[in-house]
C-alpha atoms as a PDB file:
ATOM      1  CA  MET A   1      89.537 134.389  80.609  1.00  0.00           C
ATOM      2  CA  ILE A   2      93.163 133.826  82.325  1.00  0.00           C
ATOM      3  CA  GLU A   3      91.819 135.183  85.939  1.00  0.00           C
ATOM      4  CA  ASN A   4      89.045 133.116  86.103  1.00  0.00           C
ATOM      5  CA  LEU A   5      90.608 130.543  85.239  1.00  0.00           C
ATOM      6  CA  VAL A   6      93.332 131.135  87.724  1.00  0.00           C
ATOM      7  CA  LYS A   7      90.610 131.567  90.200  1.00  0.00           C
ATOM      8  CA  LEU A   8      89.026 127.717  88.954  1.00  0.00           C
ATOM      9  CA  LEU A   9      92.827 126.117  89.308  1.00  0.00           C
ATOM     10  CA  LEU A  10      93.310 127.899  92.447  1.00  0.00           C
ATOM     11  CA  TYR A  11      89.638 126.781  94.563  1.00  0.00           C
ATOM     12  CA  TYR A  12      91.302 122.938  93.119  1.00  0.00           C
ATOM     13  CA  LYS A  13      94.481 123.806  94.497  1.00  0.00           C
ATOM     14  CA  SER A  14      92.890 123.996  97.643  1.00  0.00           C
ATOM     15  CA  LEU A  15      91.117 121.524  97.532  1.00  0.00           C
ATOM     16  CA  GLY A  16      94.116 119.141  98.099  1.00  0.00           C
ATOM     17  CA  GLU A  17      95.859 121.517 100.429  1.00  0.00           C
ATOM     18  CA  GLN A  18      92.332 121.255 102.184  1.00  0.00           C
ATOM     19  CA  THR A  19      92.464 117.026 102.333  1.00  0.00           C
ATOM     20  CA  PHE A  20      95.909 116.732 103.584  1.00  0.00           C
ATOM     21  CA  GLU A  21      95.506 119.008 106.614  1.00  0.00           C
ATOM     22  CA  SER A  22      93.080 116.330 106.650  1.00  0.00           C
ATOM     23  CA  LEU A  23      95.467 112.981 107.266  1.00  0.00           C
ATOM     24  CA  SER A  24      97.980 112.414 108.915  1.00  0.00           C
ATOM     25  CA  ASP A  25     101.213 111.577 108.063  1.00  0.00           C
ATOM     26  CA  GLU A  26     100.697 107.736 108.368  1.00  0.00           C
ATOM     27  CA  GLU A  27      97.261 108.438 106.351  1.00  0.00           C
ATOM     28  CA  LEU A  28      98.724 110.338 103.575  1.00  0.00           C
ATOM     29  CA  HIS A  29     101.649 107.783 102.902  1.00  0.00           C
ATOM     30  CA  LEU A  30      98.995 104.698 102.896  1.00  0.00           C
ATOM     31  CA  ILE A  31      98.308 102.954  99.569  1.00  0.00           C
ATOM     32  CA  PRO A  32      95.691 101.867  99.259  1.00  0.00           C
ATOM     33  CA  ALA A  33      95.953  98.686  97.433  1.00  0.00           C
ATOM     34  CA  ASP A  34      98.347  97.014  94.777  1.00  0.00           C
ATOM     35  CA  GLY A  35      99.148  99.016  92.123  1.00  0.00           C
ATOM     36  CA  SER A  36      98.365 102.137  93.609  1.00  0.00           C
ATOM     37  CA  ASN A  37      99.392 105.155  95.215  1.00  0.00           C
ATOM     38  CA  SER A  38     100.105 107.452  98.120  1.00  0.00           C
ATOM     39  CA  ILE A  39      98.835 110.871  98.175  1.00  0.00           C
ATOM     40  CA  PRO A  40     102.529 111.745  97.946  1.00  0.00           C
ATOM     41  CA  THR A  41     102.933 109.941  95.317  1.00  0.00           C
ATOM     42  CA  MET A  42     100.364 111.704  93.412  1.00  0.00           C
ATOM     43  CA  VAL A  43     101.518 115.171  94.391  1.00  0.00           C
ATOM     44  CA  LYS A  44     104.818 114.093  92.928  1.00  0.00           C
ATOM     45  CA  HIS A  45     103.133 112.942  89.552  1.00  0.00           C
ATOM     46  CA  LEU A  46     100.734 116.389  89.666  1.00  0.00           C
ATOM     47  CA  TRP A  47     104.437 117.888  90.357  1.00  0.00           C
ATOM     48  CA  GLY A  48     107.321 115.955  87.122  1.00  0.00           C
ATOM     49  CA  ASN A  49     103.880 117.047  84.864  1.00  0.00           C
ATOM     50  CA  MET A  50     103.444 121.037  86.016  1.00  0.00           C
ATOM     51  CA  LEU A  51     107.536 120.983  85.632  1.00  0.00           C
ATOM     52  CA  SER A  52     107.452 119.335  82.089  1.00  0.00           C
ATOM     53  CA  ARG A  53     104.355 121.132  81.176  1.00  0.00           C
ATOM     54  CA  TRP A  54     104.766 124.867  81.978  1.00  0.00           C
ATOM     55  CA  THR A  55     107.866 125.307  81.762  1.00  0.00           C
ATOM     56  CA  ASN A  56     108.761 127.751  79.020  1.00  0.00           C
ATOM     57  CA  PHE A  57     105.179 126.331  78.002  1.00  0.00           C
ATOM     58  CA  LEU A  58     105.635 128.963  75.121  1.00  0.00           C
ATOM     59  CA  THR A  59     108.186 128.616  73.499  1.00  0.00           C
ATOM     60  CA  GLU A  60     109.401 124.623  73.790  1.00  0.00           C
ATOM     61  CA  ASP A  61     107.659 120.679  74.193  1.00  0.00           C
ATOM     62  CA  GLY A  62     105.267 120.239  76.947  1.00  0.00           C
ATOM     63  CA  GLU A  63     106.769 117.338  77.041  1.00  0.00           C
ATOM     64  CA  LYS A  64     110.621 117.951  78.081  1.00  0.00           C
ATOM     65  CA  ASP A  65     113.521 114.629  77.965  1.00  0.00           C
ATOM     66  CA  TRP A  66     114.146 115.535  81.433  1.00  0.00           C
ATOM     67  CA  ARG A  67     111.347 114.654  83.141  1.00  0.00           C
ATOM     68  CA  ASP A  68     111.370 111.577  84.811  1.00  0.00           C
ATOM     69  CA  ARG A  69     107.726 110.574  84.804  1.00  0.00           C
ATOM     70  CA  GLU A  70     108.218 107.229  85.136  1.00  0.00           C
ATOM     71  CA  GLY A  71     110.122 107.701  88.863  1.00  0.00           C
ATOM     72  CA  GLU A  72     107.129 110.163  89.487  1.00  0.00           C
ATOM     73  CA  PHE A  73     105.358 106.947  90.881  1.00  0.00           C
ATOM     74  CA  GLU A  74     108.144 105.209  92.177  1.00  0.00           C
ATOM     75  CA  THR A  75     107.451 105.354  96.915  1.00  0.00           C
ATOM     76  CA  THR A  76     109.844 108.690  97.284  1.00  0.00           C
ATOM     77  CA  ILE A  77     108.293 111.150  99.174  1.00  0.00           C
ATOM     78  CA  LYS A  78     108.656 110.515 102.455  1.00  0.00           C
ATOM     79  CA  THR A  79     107.849 113.546 104.459  1.00  0.00           C
ATOM     80  CA  ARG A  80     105.055 115.213 104.661  1.00  0.00           C
ATOM     81  CA  GLU A  81     107.237 118.814 104.198  1.00  0.00           C
ATOM     82  CA  GLU A  82     108.889 117.524 101.250  1.00  0.00           C
ATOM     83  CA  MET A  83     105.438 116.312  99.225  1.00  0.00           C
ATOM     84  CA  LEU A  84     104.228 120.341 100.604  1.00  0.00           C
ATOM     85  CA  ASN A  85     107.445 121.547  98.639  1.00  0.00           C
ATOM     86  CA  LYS A  86     106.412 119.515  94.879  1.00  0.00           C
ATOM     87  CA  TRP A  87     103.263 120.384  95.592  1.00  0.00           C
ATOM     88  CA  GLU A  88     104.396 124.252  95.855  1.00  0.00           C
ATOM     89  CA  GLU A  89     107.407 123.775  93.612  1.00  0.00           C
ATOM     90  CA  GLY A  90     103.974 122.867  90.566  1.00  0.00           C
ATOM     91  CA  TRP A  91     101.504 124.891  91.382  1.00  0.00           C
ATOM     92  CA  THR A  92     104.155 128.111  92.337  1.00  0.00           C
ATOM     93  CA  THR A  93     105.243 126.910  88.385  1.00  0.00           C
ATOM     94  CA  PHE A  94     101.802 126.776  86.569  1.00  0.00           C
ATOM     95  CA  ILE A  95      99.798 130.314  88.135  1.00  0.00           C
ATOM     96  CA  ASN A  96     102.825 131.980  87.381  1.00  0.00           C
ATOM     97  CA  THR A  97     103.268 131.232  84.157  1.00  0.00           C
ATOM     98  CA  LEU A  98      99.361 131.162  83.528  1.00  0.00           C
ATOM     99  CA  LYS A  99      99.413 134.650  84.959  1.00  0.00           C
ATOM    100  CA  ASP A 100     102.513 135.485  83.144  1.00  0.00           C
ATOM    101  CA  LEU A 101      99.656 135.168  79.543  1.00  0.00           C
ATOM    102  CA  LYS A 102      98.096 137.349  77.583  1.00  0.00           C
ATOM    103  CA  ASP A 103      94.771 137.273  75.906  1.00  0.00           C
ATOM    104  CA  ASP A 104      96.117 136.826  73.108  1.00  0.00           C
ATOM    105  CA  ASP A 105      98.273 133.900  73.870  1.00  0.00           C
ATOM    106  CA  LEU A 106      95.107 132.208  74.205  1.00  0.00           C
ATOM    107  CA  GLY A 107      94.898 131.666  70.249  1.00  0.00           C
ATOM    108  CA  ARG A 108      98.590 130.738  69.960  1.00  0.00           C
ATOM    109  CA  THR A 109      99.818 127.166  68.954  1.00  0.00           C
ATOM    110  CA  ILE A 110     101.981 124.757  71.560  1.00  0.00           C
ATOM    111  CA  TYR A 111     103.082 120.987  71.341  1.00  0.00           C
ATOM    112  CA  ILE A 112     102.071 118.588  74.325  1.00  0.00           C
ATOM    113  CA  ARG A 113     104.442 115.045  72.816  1.00  0.00           C
ATOM    114  CA  ASN A 114     104.459 116.844  68.590  1.00  0.00           C
ATOM    115  CA  GLU A 115     100.800 117.406  69.044  1.00  0.00           C
ATOM    116  CA  GLY A 116      99.422 121.263  67.757  1.00  0.00           C
ATOM    117  CA  HIS A 117      96.908 122.108  71.159  1.00  0.00           C
ATOM    118  CA  SER A 118      95.891 126.352  71.477  1.00  0.00           C
ATOM    119  CA  VAL A 119      96.836 127.299  74.730  1.00  0.00           C
ATOM    120  CA  ILE A 120      93.322 127.709  75.886  1.00  0.00           C
ATOM    121  CA  ASP A 121      93.077 123.525  74.862  1.00  0.00           C
ATOM    122  CA  ALA A 122      96.541 122.713  76.127  1.00  0.00           C
ATOM    123  CA  ILE A 123      95.033 124.720  79.744  1.00  0.00           C
ATOM    124  CA  HIS A 124      91.205 123.246  79.707  1.00  0.00           C
ATOM    125  CA  ARG A 125      94.005 119.974  78.683  1.00  0.00           C
ATOM    126  CA  GLN A 126      95.765 120.803  82.257  1.00  0.00           C
ATOM    127  CA  LEU A 127      92.586 121.263  84.257  1.00  0.00           C
ATOM    128  CA  ALA A 128      91.063 118.931  83.290  1.00  0.00           C
ATOM    129  CA  HIS A 129      94.013 116.459  84.687  1.00  0.00           C
ATOM    130  CA  TYR A 130      95.209 118.374  87.758  1.00  0.00           C
ATOM    131  CA  SER A 131      91.200 117.878  89.050  1.00  0.00           C
ATOM    132  CA  TYR A 132      91.619 114.742  87.981  1.00  0.00           C
ATOM    133  CA  HIS A 133      94.641 113.258  89.962  1.00  0.00           C
ATOM    134  CA  ILE A 134      93.043 116.060  93.248  1.00  0.00           C
ATOM    135  CA  GLY A 135      90.052 114.017  93.203  1.00  0.00           C
ATOM    136  CA  GLN A 136      91.624 110.847  92.706  1.00  0.00           C
ATOM    137  CA  ILE A 137      93.130 112.531  96.389  1.00  0.00           C
ATOM    138  CA  VAL A 138      90.122 113.783  98.140  1.00  0.00           C
ATOM    139  CA  TYR A 139      88.114 110.605  97.070  1.00  0.00           C
ATOM    140  CA  LEU A 140      91.006 107.543  99.015  1.00  0.00           C
ATOM    141  CA  ALA A 141      91.420 110.831 101.269  1.00  0.00           C
ATOM    142  CA  LYS A 142      87.515 110.037 102.433  1.00  0.00           C
ATOM    143  CA  MET A 143      87.803 106.674 102.054  1.00  0.00           C
ATOM    144  CA  ILE A 144      90.718 106.392 104.897  1.00  0.00           C
ATOM    145  CA  LYS A 145      88.860 109.026 107.132  1.00  0.00           C
ATOM    146  CA  GLY A 146      85.536 107.563 106.740  1.00  0.00           C
ATOM    147  CA  GLU A 147      82.869 109.484 108.919  1.00  0.00           C
ATOM    148  CA  ASP A 148      85.720 111.310 110.643  1.00  0.00           C
ATOM    149  CA  TRP A 149      85.254 112.692 107.019  1.00  0.00           C
ATOM    150  CA  VAL A 150      84.551 116.715 106.911  1.00  0.00           C
ATOM    151  CA  SER A 151      83.514 117.487 103.703  1.00  0.00           C
ATOM    152  CA  LEU A 152      84.834 119.811 101.145  1.00  0.00           C
ATOM    153  CA  SER A 153      81.410 120.275  99.142  1.00  0.00           C
ATOM    154  CA  ILE A 154      77.869 120.368 100.400  1.00  0.00           C
ATOM    155  CA  PRO A 155      77.427 117.544 103.085  1.00  0.00           C
ATOM    156  CA  LYS A 156      76.062 114.604 102.545  1.00  0.00           C
ATOM    157  CA  GLY A 157      72.241 115.021 102.999  1.00  0.00           C
ATOM    158  CA  GLY A 158      72.946 118.817 103.208  1.00  0.00           C
ATOM    159  CA  THR A 159      71.393 119.817  99.671  1.00  0.00           C
ATOM    160  CA  ASP A 160      68.243 120.991 101.200  1.00  0.00           C
ATOM    161  CA  GLN A 161      69.483 123.501 104.035  1.00  0.00           C
ATOM    162  CA  TYR A 162      72.733 125.397 101.346  1.00  0.00           C
ATOM    163  CA  ASN A 163      70.259 125.927  98.028  1.00  0.00           C
ATOM    164  CA  GLN A 164      68.143 127.130 100.982  1.00  0.00           C
ATOM    165  CA  LYS A 165      70.489 129.745 101.773  1.00  0.00           C
ATOM    166  CA  LYS A 166      71.572 130.240  97.887  1.00  0.00           C
ATOM    167  CA  PHE A 167      67.759 131.227  97.897  1.00  0.00           C
ATOM    168  CA  SER A 168      67.321 133.462 100.221  1.00  0.00           C
ATOM    169  CA  GLU A 169      70.315 135.760  98.674  1.00  0.00           C
ATOM    170  CA  GLU A 170      70.101 138.915  96.706  1.00  0.00           C
ATOM    171  CA  LYS A 171      71.509 137.427  92.726  1.00  0.00           C
ATOM    172  CA  SER A 172      74.617 138.080  91.945  1.00  0.00           C
ATOM    173  CA  GLU A 173      77.663 137.474  89.072  1.00  0.00           C
ATOM    174  CA  LYS A 174      80.639 136.364  90.550  1.00  0.00           C
ATOM    175  CA  HIS A 175      83.007 133.816  90.362  1.00  0.00           C
ATOM    176  CA  PHE A 176      81.938 130.626  92.181  1.00  0.00           C
ATOM    177  CA  THR A 177      85.280 130.737  94.117  1.00  0.00           C
ATOM    178  CA  ASP A 178      84.928 133.572  95.914  1.00  0.00           C
ATOM    179  CA  GLU A 179      82.715 131.943  98.694  1.00  0.00           C
ATOM    180  CA  VAL A 180      85.566 129.498  99.822  1.00  0.00           C
END
């Protein structure tokens, strides 16, 4: 179970990374409207959340007193390198914590802001949170690139061709990310 969750999370991580690669430095830092965030600011928020939630995951509340959540939304990341370093630090903390878990840990109770969650529920909560923000990152990049956007999934108008290919293959059991 944990192995499949790690595969799924690494898939979402890869969507973010493919998106970063598609943008120039100037495009990365675009803030689309007042009250919105640039991609590096969204990355900074994910980084802060990942460090807080996944540091000492089984023994401490997931909302650490050292976390500056409000500061995560300040536009302070100036370079792609700084953004990528935070991205990697957050994901490394998260994935390494997951890989250290045993199936027996999944029913244990952990706390986030004093609210009890089973470990598996906490993982699902964060999977939803991270995929939500990665979706925002991808959508923002798609808006920025316009017609130059290269789809990260089945491109518009490509469903029939994709399905034809898939249904021409033998049935198999595998994780959908094995092909990505």
